[in-house]
Amino acid sequence: MIEVKNPGKLYSELMDLIVRLASYGLIHGDFNKFNILLKENGEPVLIDFPQMVSISHPNAEWYVSYDKTGCTIAVVVVVEQILTCLYACCGVGILTET
């Protein structure tokens, strides 16, 4: 498993991928944790392009919203994995009030 040291940076890089695709007139359409690979250096690689649509698609706004939500969920999963590892390895966790 690749260790993500800076989830904020990863989030920014993933959002940049969404913007870069849009600059070419494209929306990925299925941007989620299953379609994002990480290189050993932590750089994200986007895969699975068959469902791409044009930014002029009648439902383009919905697809962009879906992709942005997928990006956010992917980073949340990474953060949860980091916190789980911290707790398992060091007994460090986040306290929440109920």
C-alpha atoms as a PDB file:
ATOM      1  CA  MET A   1       0.000   0.000   0.000  1.00  0.00           C
ATOM      2  CA  ILE A   2       1.211   3.505  -0.863  1.00  0.00           C
ATOM      3  CA  GLU A   3       1.432   5.860   2.098  1.00  0.00           C
ATOM      4  CA  VAL A   4      -0.210   9.241   1.518  1.00  0.00           C
ATOM      5  CA  LYS A   5       1.645  11.754   3.661  1.00  0.00           C
ATOM      6  CA  ASN A   6      -0.381  14.800   2.656  1.00  0.00           C
ATOM      7  CA  PRO A   7      -4.101  14.128   1.942  1.00  0.00           C
ATOM      8  CA  GLY A   8      -4.681  17.838   1.288  1.00  0.00           C
ATOM      9  CA  LYS A   9      -2.114  17.808  -1.497  1.00  0.00           C
ATOM     10  CA  LEU A  10      -3.671  14.645  -2.944  1.00  0.00           C
ATOM     11  CA  TYR A  11      -7.108  16.286  -2.887  1.00  0.00           C
ATOM     12  CA  SER A  12      -5.707  19.308  -4.717  1.00  0.00           C
ATOM     13  CA  GLU A  13      -4.028  17.108  -7.335  1.00  0.00           C
ATOM     14  CA  LEU A  14      -7.257  15.155  -7.886  1.00  0.00           C
ATOM     15  CA  MET A  15      -9.276  18.343  -8.289  1.00  0.00           C
ATOM     16  CA  ASP A  16      -6.624  19.580 -10.735  1.00  0.00           C
ATOM     17  CA  LEU A  17      -7.200  16.418 -12.793  1.00  0.00           C
ATOM     18  CA  ILE A  18     -10.924  17.228 -12.975  1.00  0.00           C
ATOM     19  CA  VAL A  19     -10.136  20.789 -14.087  1.00  0.00           C
ATOM     20  CA  ARG A  20      -7.548  19.612 -16.623  1.00  0.00           C
ATOM     21  CA  LEU A  21     -10.050  17.229 -18.207  1.00  0.00           C
ATOM     22  CA  ALA A  22     -12.608  20.051 -18.360  1.00  0.00           C
ATOM     23  CA  SER A  23     -10.062  22.280 -20.104  1.00  0.00           C
ATOM     24  CA  TYR A  24     -10.103  19.680 -22.889  1.00  0.00           C
ATOM     25  CA  GLY A  25     -13.902  19.708 -22.913  1.00  0.00           C
ATOM     26  CA  LEU A  26     -14.261  16.421 -21.015  1.00  0.00           C
ATOM     27  CA  ILE A  27     -15.821  15.118 -17.806  1.00  0.00           C
ATOM     28  CA  HIS A  28     -14.589  11.765 -16.478  1.00  0.00           C
ATOM     29  CA  GLY A  29     -18.054  10.711 -15.304  1.00  0.00           C
ATOM     30  CA  ASP A  30     -16.902   8.038 -12.827  1.00  0.00           C
ATOM     31  CA  PHE A  31     -14.243   9.728 -10.709  1.00  0.00           C
ATOM     32  CA  ASN A  32     -14.027   7.602  -7.564  1.00  0.00           C
ATOM     33  CA  LYS A  33     -11.579   5.714  -5.351  1.00  0.00           C
ATOM     34  CA  PHE A  34     -11.696   2.664  -7.633  1.00  0.00           C
ATOM     35  CA  ASN A  35     -10.527   4.676 -10.656  1.00  0.00           C
ATOM     36  CA  ILE A  36      -7.613   6.439  -8.987  1.00  0.00           C
ATOM     37  CA  LEU A  37      -4.259   4.704  -8.752  1.00  0.00           C
ATOM     38  CA  LEU A  38      -1.299   6.079  -6.846  1.00  0.00           C
ATOM     39  CA  LYS A  39       2.250   5.820  -8.108  1.00  0.00           C
ATOM     40  CA  GLU A  40       4.944   4.926  -5.590  1.00  0.00           C
ATOM     41  CA  ASN A  41       5.712   8.643  -5.206  1.00  0.00           C
ATOM     42  CA  GLY A  42       2.039   9.299  -4.309  1.00  0.00           C
ATOM     43  CA  GLU A  43       1.139  10.924  -7.630  1.00  0.00           C
ATOM     44  CA  PRO A  44      -2.438  10.058  -8.676  1.00  0.00           C
ATOM     45  CA  VAL A  45      -3.211   8.359 -11.988  1.00  0.00           C
ATOM     46  CA  LEU A  46      -6.756   8.364 -13.316  1.00  0.00           C
ATOM     47  CA  ILE A  47      -8.090   5.262 -15.112  1.00  0.00           C
ATOM     48  CA  ASP A  48     -11.347   3.973 -16.664  1.00  0.00           C
ATOM     49  CA  PHE A  49     -12.462   6.458 -19.302  1.00  0.00           C
ATOM     50  CA  PRO A  50     -15.310   4.783 -21.273  1.00  0.00           C
ATOM     51  CA  GLN A  51     -18.042   6.801 -19.546  1.00  0.00           C
ATOM     52  CA  MET A  52     -16.525  10.229 -20.315  1.00  0.00           C
ATOM     53  CA  VAL A  53     -18.887  12.903 -21.549  1.00  0.00           C
ATOM     54  CA  SER A  54     -18.456  16.325 -23.096  1.00  0.00           C
ATOM     55  CA  ILE A  55     -18.774  19.473 -21.006  1.00  0.00           C
ATOM     56  CA  SER A  56     -21.610  20.369 -23.393  1.00  0.00           C
ATOM     57  CA  HIS A  57     -23.568  17.219 -22.393  1.00  0.00           C
ATOM     58  CA  PRO A  58     -27.095  18.100 -21.176  1.00  0.00           C
ATOM     59  CA  ASN A  59     -26.282  16.587 -17.751  1.00  0.00           C
ATOM     60  CA  ALA A  60     -22.721  17.947 -17.557  1.00  0.00           C
ATOM     61  CA  GLU A  61     -23.339  19.794 -14.281  1.00  0.00           C
ATOM     62  CA  TRP A  62     -24.513  16.560 -12.604  1.00  0.00           C
ATOM     63  CA  TYR A  63     -21.456  14.637 -13.876  1.00  0.00           C
ATOM     64  CA  VAL A  64     -19.054  17.317 -12.596  1.00  0.00           C
ATOM     65  CA  SER A  65     -20.778  17.267  -9.211  1.00  0.00           C
ATOM     66  CA  TYR A  66     -20.520  13.460  -9.141  1.00  0.00           C
ATOM     67  CA  ASP A  67     -16.817  13.571  -9.986  1.00  0.00           C
ATOM     68  CA  LYS A  68     -16.082  16.228  -7.338  1.00  0.00           C
ATOM     69  CA  THR A  69     -17.932  14.157  -4.733  1.00  0.00           C
ATOM     70  CA  GLY A  70     -15.957  11.072  -5.798  1.00  0.00           C
ATOM     71  CA  CYS A  71     -12.725  13.011  -5.361  1.00  0.00           C
ATOM     72  CA  THR A  72     -13.694  14.069  -1.848  1.00  0.00           C
ATOM     73  CA  ILE A  73     -14.738  10.542  -0.846  1.00  0.00           C
ATOM     74  CA  ALA A  74     -11.464   9.103  -2.188  1.00  0.00           C
ATOM     75  CA  VAL A  75      -9.431  11.461   0.013  1.00  0.00           C
ATOM     76  CA  VAL A  76     -11.654  10.789   3.040  1.00  0.00           C
ATOM     77  CA  VAL A  77     -10.956   7.067   2.592  1.00  0.00           C
ATOM     78  CA  VAL A  78      -7.214   7.787   2.560  1.00  0.00           C
ATOM     79  CA  VAL A  79      -7.493   9.860   5.748  1.00  0.00           C
ATOM     80  CA  GLU A  80      -9.517   7.095   7.438  1.00  0.00           C
ATOM     81  CA  GLN A  81      -6.822   4.561   6.492  1.00  0.00           C
ATOM     82  CA  ILE A  82      -4.121   6.804   7.960  1.00  0.00           C
ATOM     83  CA  LEU A  83      -6.074   7.214  11.215  1.00  0.00           C
ATOM     84  CA  THR A  84      -6.720   3.471  11.426  1.00  0.00           C
ATOM     85  CA  CYS A  85      -3.011   2.774  10.986  1.00  0.00           C
ATOM     86  CA  LEU A  86      -2.094   5.358  13.635  1.00  0.00           C
ATOM     87  CA  TYR A  87      -4.492   3.784  16.090  1.00  0.00           C
ATOM     88  CA  ALA A  88      -3.396   0.214  15.318  1.00  0.00           C
ATOM     89  CA  CYS A  89       0.317   0.982  15.413  1.00  0.00           C
ATOM     90  CA  CYS A  90       0.561   3.650  18.092  1.00  0.00           C
ATOM     91  CA  GLY A  91      -2.720   3.749  19.974  1.00  0.00           C
ATOM     92  CA  VAL A  92      -3.221   7.268  18.645  1.00  0.00           C
ATOM     93  CA  GLY A  93      -6.740   8.255  17.698  1.00  0.00           C
ATOM     94  CA  ILE A  94      -9.124  11.157  17.427  1.00  0.00           C
ATOM     95  CA  LEU A  95     -11.491  11.803  20.297  1.00  0.00           C
ATOM     96  CA  THR A  96     -14.973  12.967  19.432  1.00  0.00           C
ATOM     97  CA  GLU A  97     -17.652  14.321  21.729  1.00  0.00           C
ATOM     98  CA  THR A  98     -21.013  12.599  21.758  1.00  0.00           C
END
